Amino acid sequence: MGRFGVTEILVILAIILLLFGGRKIPELMKGLGTGIKEFKNAAKDENGHATSKKQDENKA
């Protein structure tokens, strides 16, 4: 339990195709990709700020 087989994945993809239609799926994937990209950039920026704060404290 917890593992998806090929059949389950195909059924899920078929349901998504029926719900959203063929034209909406590329738009959904583009939005998802943009969201993931922004999240990664925000996480990277947050790590950079934390590192620079530590360096500033060490200098003082």
N, C-alpha and C. Protein backbone atom coordinates (compact mmCIF):
# COMPACT_ATOMS: atom_id res chain seq x y z
N MET A 1 0.84 -1.17 0.00
CA MET A 1 0.00 0.00 0.00
C MET A 1 0.89 1.24 0.00
N GLY A 2 0.50 2.25 -0.73
CA GLY A 2 1.30 3.46 -0.78
C GLY A 2 2.06 3.59 -2.09
N ARG A 3 2.23 2.49 -2.78
CA ARG A 3 2.92 2.53 -4.07
C ARG A 3 1.89 2.52 -5.18
N PHE A 4 2.15 3.34 -6.18
CA PHE A 4 1.24 3.40 -7.32
C PHE A 4 1.83 2.59 -8.46
N GLY A 5 1.01 1.75 -9.04
CA GLY A 5 1.41 0.99 -10.21
C GLY A 5 1.08 1.77 -11.48
N VAL A 6 1.45 1.19 -12.59
CA VAL A 6 1.21 1.82 -13.89
C VAL A 6 -0.29 2.00 -14.13
N THR A 7 -1.07 1.01 -13.76
CA THR A 7 -2.51 1.07 -13.98
C THR A 7 -3.14 2.22 -13.20
N GLU A 8 -2.75 2.37 -11.94
CA GLU A 8 -3.30 3.44 -11.12
C GLU A 8 -2.95 4.82 -11.67
N ILE A 9 -1.71 4.96 -12.11
CA ILE A 9 -1.27 6.25 -12.67
C ILE A 9 -2.05 6.56 -13.94
N LEU A 10 -2.26 5.57 -14.79
CA LEU A 10 -3.02 5.79 -16.03
C LEU A 10 -4.46 6.17 -15.73
N VAL A 11 -5.06 5.55 -14.73
CA VAL A 11 -6.44 5.88 -14.36
C VAL A 11 -6.50 7.32 -13.85
N ILE A 12 -5.55 7.72 -13.01
CA ILE A 12 -5.52 9.09 -12.49
C ILE A 12 -5.36 10.09 -13.63
N LEU A 13 -4.45 9.81 -14.56
CA LEU A 13 -4.25 10.70 -15.70
C LEU A 13 -5.50 10.80 -16.57
N ALA A 14 -6.20 9.68 -16.75
CA ALA A 14 -7.44 9.69 -17.54
C ALA A 14 -8.50 10.55 -16.86
N ILE A 15 -8.60 10.45 -15.54
CA ILE A 15 -9.59 11.25 -14.81
C ILE A 15 -9.25 12.73 -14.92
N ILE A 16 -7.97 13.07 -14.79
CA ILE A 16 -7.55 14.47 -14.93
C ILE A 16 -7.88 14.99 -16.33
N LEU A 17 -7.62 14.17 -17.33
CA LEU A 17 -7.93 14.57 -18.71
C LEU A 17 -9.43 14.79 -18.89
N LEU A 18 -10.25 13.95 -18.30
CA LEU A 18 -11.70 14.12 -18.40
C LEU A 18 -12.18 15.37 -17.66
N LEU A 19 -11.59 15.65 -16.51
CA LEU A 19 -12.03 16.80 -15.72
C LEU A 19 -11.63 18.13 -16.35
N PHE A 20 -10.40 18.22 -16.80
CA PHE A 20 -9.89 19.51 -17.26
C PHE A 20 -9.87 19.67 -18.78
N GLY A 21 -9.88 18.60 -19.50
CA GLY A 21 -9.84 18.68 -20.95
C GLY A 21 -8.41 18.85 -21.46
N GLY A 22 -8.21 18.56 -22.71
CA GLY A 22 -6.87 18.59 -23.30
C GLY A 22 -6.26 19.97 -23.42
N ARG A 23 -7.07 20.99 -23.52
CA ARG A 23 -6.55 22.35 -23.72
C ARG A 23 -6.09 22.99 -22.42
N LYS A 24 -6.69 22.61 -21.31
CA LYS A 24 -6.36 23.23 -20.02
C LYS A 24 -5.11 22.64 -19.38
N ILE A 25 -4.78 21.40 -19.69
CA ILE A 25 -3.67 20.73 -19.02
C ILE A 25 -2.34 21.45 -19.24
N PRO A 26 -1.97 21.89 -20.45
CA PRO A 26 -0.71 22.63 -20.59
C PRO A 26 -0.68 23.91 -19.76
N GLU A 27 -1.80 24.60 -19.66
CA GLU A 27 -1.87 25.81 -18.85
C GLU A 27 -1.66 25.48 -17.37
N LEU A 28 -2.27 24.39 -16.91
CA LEU A 28 -2.10 23.97 -15.52
C LEU A 28 -0.65 23.60 -15.22
N MET A 29 -0.02 22.89 -16.14
CA MET A 29 1.37 22.48 -15.93
C MET A 29 2.32 23.68 -15.95
N LYS A 30 2.02 24.65 -16.81
CA LYS A 30 2.83 25.87 -16.87
C LYS A 30 2.73 26.63 -15.54
N GLY A 31 1.52 26.75 -15.02
CA GLY A 31 1.33 27.41 -13.74
C GLY A 31 2.01 26.67 -12.60
N LEU A 32 1.94 25.36 -12.63
CA LEU A 32 2.59 24.54 -11.61
C LEU A 32 4.11 24.71 -11.67
N GLY A 33 4.65 24.70 -12.88
CA GLY A 33 6.10 24.89 -13.05
C GLY A 33 6.56 26.25 -12.59
N THR A 34 5.79 27.27 -12.88
CA THR A 34 6.12 28.63 -12.43
C THR A 34 6.08 28.71 -10.91
N GLY A 35 5.10 28.09 -10.30
CA GLY A 35 5.00 28.10 -8.85
C GLY A 35 6.18 27.40 -8.19
N ILE A 36 6.58 26.26 -8.73
CA ILE A 36 7.73 25.53 -8.19
C ILE A 36 9.01 26.34 -8.34
N LYS A 37 9.16 26.99 -9.48
CA LYS A 37 10.34 27.82 -9.74
C LYS A 37 10.42 28.98 -8.75
N GLU A 38 9.30 29.64 -8.51
CA GLU A 38 9.26 30.75 -7.55
C GLU A 38 9.55 30.27 -6.14
N PHE A 39 9.05 29.10 -5.79
CA PHE A 39 9.29 28.53 -4.46
C PHE A 39 10.78 28.23 -4.27
N LYS A 40 11.41 27.65 -5.29
CA LYS A 40 12.84 27.35 -5.20
C LYS A 40 13.65 28.63 -5.07
N ASN A 41 13.29 29.66 -5.85
CA ASN A 41 14.01 30.93 -5.77
C ASN A 41 13.84 31.57 -4.40
N ALA A 42 12.65 31.50 -3.84
CA ALA A 42 12.41 32.07 -2.51
C ALA A 42 13.20 31.31 -1.45
N ALA A 43 13.25 29.99 -1.58
CA ALA A 43 14.01 29.19 -0.62
C ALA A 43 15.50 29.49 -0.73
N LYS A 44 15.98 29.67 -1.94
CA LYS A 44 17.39 29.98 -2.14
C LYS A 44 17.72 31.36 -1.58
N ASP A 45 16.84 32.33 -1.81
CA ASP A 45 17.05 33.68 -1.29
C ASP A 45 17.03 33.68 0.24
N GLU A 46 16.14 32.90 0.83
CA GLU A 46 16.04 32.82 2.29
C GLU A 46 17.33 32.25 2.87
N ASN A 47 17.87 31.23 2.23
CA ASN A 47 19.13 30.65 2.70
C ASN A 47 20.27 31.64 2.56
N GLY A 48 20.28 32.42 1.52
CA GLY A 48 21.31 33.43 1.31
C GLY A 48 21.25 34.51 2.37
N HIS A 49 20.04 34.93 2.75
CA HIS A 49 19.89 35.95 3.78
C HIS A 49 20.35 35.43 5.14
N ALA A 50 20.05 34.19 5.44
CA ALA A 50 20.45 33.62 6.73
C ALA A 50 21.98 33.52 6.81
N THR A 51 22.62 33.15 5.71
CA THR A 51 24.08 33.04 5.69
C THR A 51 24.72 34.41 5.84
N SER A 52 24.18 35.41 5.15
CA SER A 52 24.78 36.74 5.23
C SER A 52 24.60 37.35 6.63
N LYS A 53 23.51 37.04 7.31
CA LYS A 53 23.30 37.52 8.67
C LYS A 53 24.36 36.96 9.62
N LYS A 54 24.64 35.65 9.46
CA LYS A 54 25.64 35.00 10.30
C LYS A 54 27.03 35.61 10.04
N GLN A 55 27.33 35.91 8.80
CA GLN A 55 28.63 36.51 8.46
C GLN A 55 28.74 37.90 9.07
N ASP A 56 27.64 38.66 9.03
CA ASP A 56 27.65 40.02 9.62
C ASP A 56 27.85 39.95 11.12
N GLU A 57 27.25 38.96 11.78
CA GLU A 57 27.40 38.82 13.23
C GLU A 57 28.82 38.42 13.59
N ASN A 58 29.45 37.62 12.75
CA ASN A 58 30.82 37.19 13.02
C ASN A 58 31.81 38.34 12.85
N LYS A 59 31.51 39.27 11.97
CA LYS A 59 32.39 40.42 11.73
C LYS A 59 32.35 41.39 12.90
N ALA A 60 31.20 41.50 13.54
CA ALA A 60 31.03 42.48 14.65
C ALA A 60 31.64 42.03 15.94
